[in-house]
Amino acid sequence: MWTRQPPRHRPSAIVLLTPDDFQAQQSPSDLKAHADRLGAALCGQISINPSSGFEARRQVSEDGEISYLVHIRHLRFMAQILPDCSWWNPQTRTRAHAARTGA
């Protein structure tokens, strides 16, 4: 799920993004050659939810070889949009408006 702000607790709903969430004034430089074919470019950050946990146990075999057994608890991820580098193609807004209005 994409959220505008990092949630402080487990989110209860998905936040739908709008063109206003995309605040970059131009497409990212590495996408400029294709900008006319893009609806938007989103920058984001994905992290592990604080409720997730890891536990690692060290194991030593009879011949002295060391290994680790890792258990992951409640693995969940959160995603956050980075508005300052996320770009919305203004022509996309026009096409979306045309689709809604029939114009």
N, C-alpha and C. Protein backbone atom coordinates (compact mmCIF):
# COMPACT_ATOMS: atom_id res chain seq x y z
N MET A 1 0.84 -1.16 0.00
CA MET A 1 0.00 0.00 0.00
C MET A 1 0.89 1.23 0.00
N TRP A 2 0.48 2.28 -0.67
CA TRP A 2 1.23 3.54 -0.71
C TRP A 2 0.55 4.52 0.21
N THR A 3 1.31 5.12 1.08
CA THR A 3 0.75 6.11 1.98
C THR A 3 1.50 7.42 1.82
N ARG A 4 0.85 8.49 2.15
CA ARG A 4 1.48 9.80 2.06
C ARG A 4 2.43 10.03 3.24
N GLN A 5 2.10 9.54 4.38
CA GLN A 5 2.91 9.68 5.58
C GLN A 5 3.23 8.30 6.11
N PRO A 6 4.41 8.12 6.71
CA PRO A 6 4.67 6.81 7.30
C PRO A 6 3.70 6.55 8.44
N PRO A 7 3.01 5.42 8.42
CA PRO A 7 2.04 5.15 9.48
C PRO A 7 2.73 4.92 10.83
N ARG A 8 2.09 5.37 11.88
CA ARG A 8 2.64 5.17 13.22
C ARG A 8 2.21 3.82 13.79
N HIS A 9 1.21 3.25 13.20
CA HIS A 9 0.71 1.95 13.62
C HIS A 9 0.23 1.24 12.37
N ARG A 10 -0.25 0.06 12.52
CA ARG A 10 -0.72 -0.70 11.36
C ARG A 10 -1.84 0.05 10.65
N PRO A 11 -1.64 0.40 9.38
CA PRO A 11 -2.68 1.15 8.67
C PRO A 11 -3.94 0.34 8.53
N SER A 12 -5.07 1.03 8.58
CA SER A 12 -6.33 0.34 8.43
C SER A 12 -6.90 0.48 7.02
N ALA A 13 -6.31 1.37 6.22
CA ALA A 13 -6.83 1.58 4.88
C ALA A 13 -5.71 1.96 3.92
N ILE A 14 -5.96 1.74 2.67
CA ILE A 14 -5.04 2.16 1.62
C ILE A 14 -5.40 3.59 1.24
N VAL A 15 -4.40 4.41 1.08
CA VAL A 15 -4.62 5.78 0.67
C VAL A 15 -4.44 5.85 -0.84
N LEU A 16 -5.45 6.34 -1.54
CA LEU A 16 -5.34 6.50 -2.98
C LEU A 16 -4.61 7.79 -3.29
N LEU A 17 -3.65 7.70 -4.18
CA LEU A 17 -2.87 8.88 -4.55
C LEU A 17 -3.61 9.69 -5.59
N THR A 18 -3.37 10.99 -5.58
CA THR A 18 -3.95 11.89 -6.56
C THR A 18 -2.81 12.62 -7.26
N PRO A 19 -3.09 13.29 -8.37
CA PRO A 19 -2.02 14.05 -9.04
C PRO A 19 -1.33 15.05 -8.11
N ASP A 20 -2.02 15.57 -7.13
CA ASP A 20 -1.40 16.52 -6.20
C ASP A 20 -0.31 15.91 -5.34
N ASP A 21 -0.30 14.58 -5.23
CA ASP A 21 0.74 13.91 -4.45
C ASP A 21 2.08 13.87 -5.20
N PHE A 22 2.07 14.16 -6.47
CA PHE A 22 3.27 14.12 -7.32
C PHE A 22 3.75 15.56 -7.49
N GLN A 23 4.79 15.95 -6.76
CA GLN A 23 5.16 17.36 -6.69
C GLN A 23 6.38 17.75 -7.52
N ALA A 24 7.07 16.80 -8.12
CA ALA A 24 8.22 17.15 -8.97
C ALA A 24 7.72 17.93 -10.18
N GLN A 25 8.48 18.93 -10.61
CA GLN A 25 8.07 19.78 -11.72
C GLN A 25 8.38 19.17 -13.08
N GLN A 26 9.25 18.17 -13.11
CA GLN A 26 9.58 17.52 -14.38
C GLN A 26 9.90 16.06 -14.13
N SER A 27 9.89 15.29 -15.20
CA SER A 27 10.16 13.85 -15.07
C SER A 27 11.61 13.65 -14.63
N PRO A 28 11.91 12.53 -14.00
CA PRO A 28 13.29 12.24 -13.63
C PRO A 28 14.19 12.26 -14.88
N SER A 29 15.42 12.71 -14.71
CA SER A 29 16.33 12.89 -15.85
C SER A 29 16.53 11.60 -16.64
N ASP A 30 16.55 10.46 -15.97
CA ASP A 30 16.78 9.21 -16.69
C ASP A 30 15.55 8.75 -17.48
N LEU A 31 14.42 9.43 -17.30
CA LEU A 31 13.20 9.07 -18.03
C LEU A 31 12.77 10.13 -19.04
N LYS A 32 13.55 11.20 -19.18
CA LYS A 32 13.15 12.31 -20.05
C LYS A 32 12.87 11.87 -21.49
N ALA A 33 13.63 10.93 -22.00
CA ALA A 33 13.44 10.48 -23.38
C ALA A 33 12.08 9.81 -23.57
N HIS A 34 11.47 9.35 -22.49
CA HIS A 34 10.19 8.64 -22.57
C HIS A 34 9.05 9.39 -21.89
N ALA A 35 9.30 10.60 -21.42
CA ALA A 35 8.33 11.33 -20.61
C ALA A 35 6.98 11.50 -21.30
N ASP A 36 7.02 11.67 -22.62
CA ASP A 36 5.75 11.88 -23.33
C ASP A 36 4.88 10.63 -23.35
N ARG A 37 5.47 9.47 -23.02
CA ARG A 37 4.70 8.22 -22.99
C ARG A 37 4.39 7.75 -21.57
N LEU A 38 4.82 8.51 -20.59
CA LEU A 38 4.59 8.14 -19.19
C LEU A 38 3.41 8.90 -18.61
N GLY A 39 2.64 8.22 -17.81
CA GLY A 39 1.57 8.89 -17.07
C GLY A 39 2.10 9.55 -15.82
N ALA A 40 3.07 8.90 -15.20
CA ALA A 40 3.65 9.41 -13.97
C ALA A 40 4.93 8.65 -13.67
N ALA A 41 5.74 9.22 -12.81
CA ALA A 41 6.94 8.55 -12.29
C ALA A 41 6.89 8.70 -10.78
N LEU A 42 6.92 7.59 -10.08
CA LEU A 42 6.77 7.60 -8.64
C LEU A 42 8.09 7.22 -7.96
N CYS A 43 8.49 8.03 -7.02
CA CYS A 43 9.62 7.69 -6.16
C CYS A 43 9.02 7.22 -4.83
N GLY A 44 9.58 6.19 -4.31
CA GLY A 44 9.04 5.68 -3.05
C GLY A 44 10.09 5.00 -2.22
N GLN A 45 9.70 4.71 -1.03
CA GLN A 45 10.57 4.01 -0.08
C GLN A 45 9.78 2.86 0.50
N ILE A 46 10.36 1.69 0.46
CA ILE A 46 9.72 0.51 1.04
C ILE A 46 10.57 0.06 2.22
N SER A 47 9.92 -0.16 3.34
CA SER A 47 10.64 -0.60 4.53
C SER A 47 9.85 -1.69 5.24
N ILE A 48 10.52 -2.35 6.14
CA ILE A 48 9.87 -3.38 6.94
C ILE A 48 9.08 -2.72 8.06
N ASN A 49 7.86 -3.16 8.25
CA ASN A 49 7.01 -2.63 9.29
C ASN A 49 7.64 -2.89 10.66
N PRO A 50 7.56 -1.92 11.58
CA PRO A 50 8.16 -2.11 12.91
C PRO A 50 7.61 -3.33 13.66
N SER A 51 6.43 -3.82 13.31
CA SER A 51 5.89 -5.00 13.99
C SER A 51 6.59 -6.29 13.55
N SER A 52 7.37 -6.23 12.48
CA SER A 52 8.11 -7.41 12.03
C SER A 52 9.29 -7.66 12.97
N GLY A 53 9.71 -8.87 13.03
CA GLY A 53 10.85 -9.19 13.89
C GLY A 53 11.68 -10.32 13.33
N PHE A 54 12.92 -10.36 13.75
CA PHE A 54 13.86 -11.39 13.32
C PHE A 54 14.49 -12.02 14.55
N GLU A 55 14.77 -13.27 14.44
CA GLU A 55 15.49 -13.97 15.50
C GLU A 55 16.51 -14.88 14.83
N ALA A 56 17.77 -14.72 15.20
CA ALA A 56 18.83 -15.55 14.63
C ALA A 56 19.43 -16.42 15.73
N ARG A 57 19.56 -17.70 15.45
CA ARG A 57 20.16 -18.63 16.40
C ARG A 57 21.43 -19.21 15.80
N ARG A 58 22.48 -19.10 16.56
CA ARG A 58 23.76 -19.65 16.14
C ARG A 58 23.77 -21.14 16.41
N GLN A 59 24.23 -21.90 15.41
CA GLN A 59 24.31 -23.34 15.57
C GLN A 59 25.74 -23.78 15.25
N VAL A 60 26.25 -24.69 16.07
CA VAL A 60 27.58 -25.25 15.83
C VAL A 60 27.43 -26.75 15.64
N SER A 61 27.86 -27.23 14.47
CA SER A 61 27.74 -28.66 14.19
C SER A 61 28.83 -29.44 14.94
N GLU A 62 28.74 -30.76 14.91
CA GLU A 62 29.72 -31.60 15.61
C GLU A 62 31.14 -31.37 15.10
N ASP A 63 31.27 -31.02 13.83
CA ASP A 63 32.62 -30.78 13.29
C ASP A 63 33.06 -29.32 13.44
N GLY A 64 32.31 -28.52 14.19
CA GLY A 64 32.69 -27.15 14.49
C GLY A 64 32.23 -26.10 13.48
N GLU A 65 31.48 -26.52 12.47
CA GLU A 65 31.00 -25.56 11.47
C GLU A 65 29.88 -24.72 12.08
N ILE A 66 29.99 -23.40 11.90
CA ILE A 66 29.01 -22.47 12.46
C ILE A 66 28.01 -22.08 11.37
N SER A 67 26.74 -22.09 11.75
CA SER A 67 25.68 -21.62 10.85
C SER A 67 24.65 -20.89 11.70
N TYR A 68 23.76 -20.22 11.03
CA TYR A 68 22.72 -19.47 11.73
C TYR A 68 21.36 -19.85 11.16
N LEU A 69 20.41 -20.02 12.03
CA LEU A 69 19.04 -20.29 11.65
C LEU A 69 18.25 -19.02 11.98
N VAL A 70 17.60 -18.44 10.96
CA VAL A 70 16.90 -17.18 11.14
C VAL A 70 15.40 -17.40 10.99
N HIS A 71 14.65 -16.89 11.94
CA HIS A 71 13.18 -16.92 11.90
C HIS A 71 12.69 -15.48 11.74
N ILE A 72 11.73 -15.30 10.86
CA ILE A 72 11.13 -13.99 10.65
C ILE A 72 9.71 -14.04 11.17
N ARG A 73 9.36 -13.08 12.02
CA ARG A 73 8.02 -13.02 12.59
C ARG A 73 7.25 -11.84 12.02
N HIS A 74 6.00 -12.08 11.66
CA HIS A 74 5.09 -11.02 11.24
C HIS A 74 5.69 -10.14 10.14
N LEU A 75 6.22 -10.75 9.10
CA LEU A 75 6.85 -9.96 8.05
C LEU A 75 5.80 -9.13 7.31
N ARG A 76 5.93 -7.83 7.41
CA ARG A 76 5.05 -6.89 6.74
C ARG A 76 5.91 -5.73 6.23
N PHE A 77 5.43 -5.11 5.18
CA PHE A 77 6.15 -3.99 4.60
C PHE A 77 5.26 -2.76 4.58
N MET A 78 5.89 -1.59 4.57
CA MET A 78 5.16 -0.35 4.39
C MET A 78 5.84 0.40 3.26
N ALA A 79 5.05 1.16 2.54
CA ALA A 79 5.58 1.95 1.44
C ALA A 79 5.17 3.40 1.63
N GLN A 80 6.07 4.28 1.25
CA GLN A 80 5.82 5.70 1.40
C GLN A 80 6.23 6.39 0.10
N ILE A 81 5.36 7.23 -0.43
CA ILE A 81 5.69 8.01 -1.62
C ILE A 81 6.59 9.17 -1.21
N LEU A 82 7.55 9.49 -2.07
CA LEU A 82 8.43 10.64 -1.86
C LEU A 82 7.97 11.70 -2.88
N PRO A 83 7.11 12.61 -2.47
CA PRO A 83 6.46 13.53 -3.40
C PRO A 83 7.40 14.42 -4.19
N ASP A 84 8.50 14.86 -3.58
CA ASP A 84 9.38 15.82 -4.24
C ASP A 84 10.05 15.27 -5.49
N CYS A 85 10.17 13.97 -5.62
CA CYS A 85 10.76 13.42 -6.85
C CYS A 85 9.75 12.60 -7.65
N SER A 86 8.49 12.63 -7.24
CA SER A 86 7.43 11.93 -7.97
C SER A 86 6.76 12.93 -8.91
N TRP A 87 6.64 12.54 -10.17
CA TRP A 87 6.18 13.46 -11.22
C TRP A 87 4.92 12.94 -11.87
N TRP A 88 3.95 13.81 -12.07
CA TRP A 88 2.71 13.50 -12.77
C TRP A 88 2.74 14.23 -14.11
N ASN A 89 2.58 13.51 -15.19
CA ASN A 89 2.57 14.12 -16.51
C ASN A 89 1.29 14.95 -16.66
N PRO A 90 1.41 16.25 -16.89
CA PRO A 90 0.21 17.09 -17.01
C PRO A 90 -0.71 16.63 -18.13
N GLN A 91 -0.17 16.01 -19.16
CA GLN A 91 -1.02 15.50 -20.24
C GLN A 91 -1.87 14.33 -19.76
N THR A 92 -1.42 13.60 -18.77
CA THR A 92 -2.21 12.51 -18.22
C THR A 92 -3.46 13.06 -17.55
N ARG A 93 -3.31 14.13 -16.85
CA ARG A 93 -4.46 14.77 -16.19
C ARG A 93 -5.47 15.17 -17.25
N THR A 94 -5.01 15.68 -18.38
CA THR A 94 -5.90 16.08 -19.46
C THR A 94 -6.63 14.87 -20.02
N ARG A 95 -5.91 13.78 -20.25
CA ARG A 95 -6.55 12.57 -20.76
C ARG A 95 -7.55 12.02 -19.76
N ALA A 96 -7.21 12.03 -18.48
CA ALA A 96 -8.13 11.52 -17.46
C ALA A 96 -9.38 12.39 -17.41
N HIS A 97 -9.19 13.70 -17.49
CA HIS A 97 -10.34 14.60 -17.48
C HIS A 97 -11.21 14.36 -18.71
N ALA A 98 -10.58 14.18 -19.85
CA ALA A 98 -11.33 13.91 -21.09
C ALA A 98 -12.13 12.62 -20.97
N ALA A 99 -11.55 11.62 -20.36
CA ALA A 99 -12.25 10.34 -20.20
C ALA A 99 -13.48 10.51 -19.29
N ARG A 100 -13.33 11.32 -18.24
CA ARG A 100 -14.44 11.53 -17.31
C ARG A 100 -15.55 12.39 -17.93
N THR A 101 -15.15 13.39 -18.69
CA THR A 101 -16.13 14.35 -19.20
C THR A 101 -16.61 14.03 -20.61
N GLY A 102 -15.92 13.12 -21.27
CA GLY A 102 -16.28 12.79 -22.64
C GLY A 102 -15.79 13.83 -23.64
N ALA A 103 -14.97 14.76 -23.16
CA ALA A 103 -14.46 15.83 -24.03
C ALA A 103 -13.23 15.38 -24.81
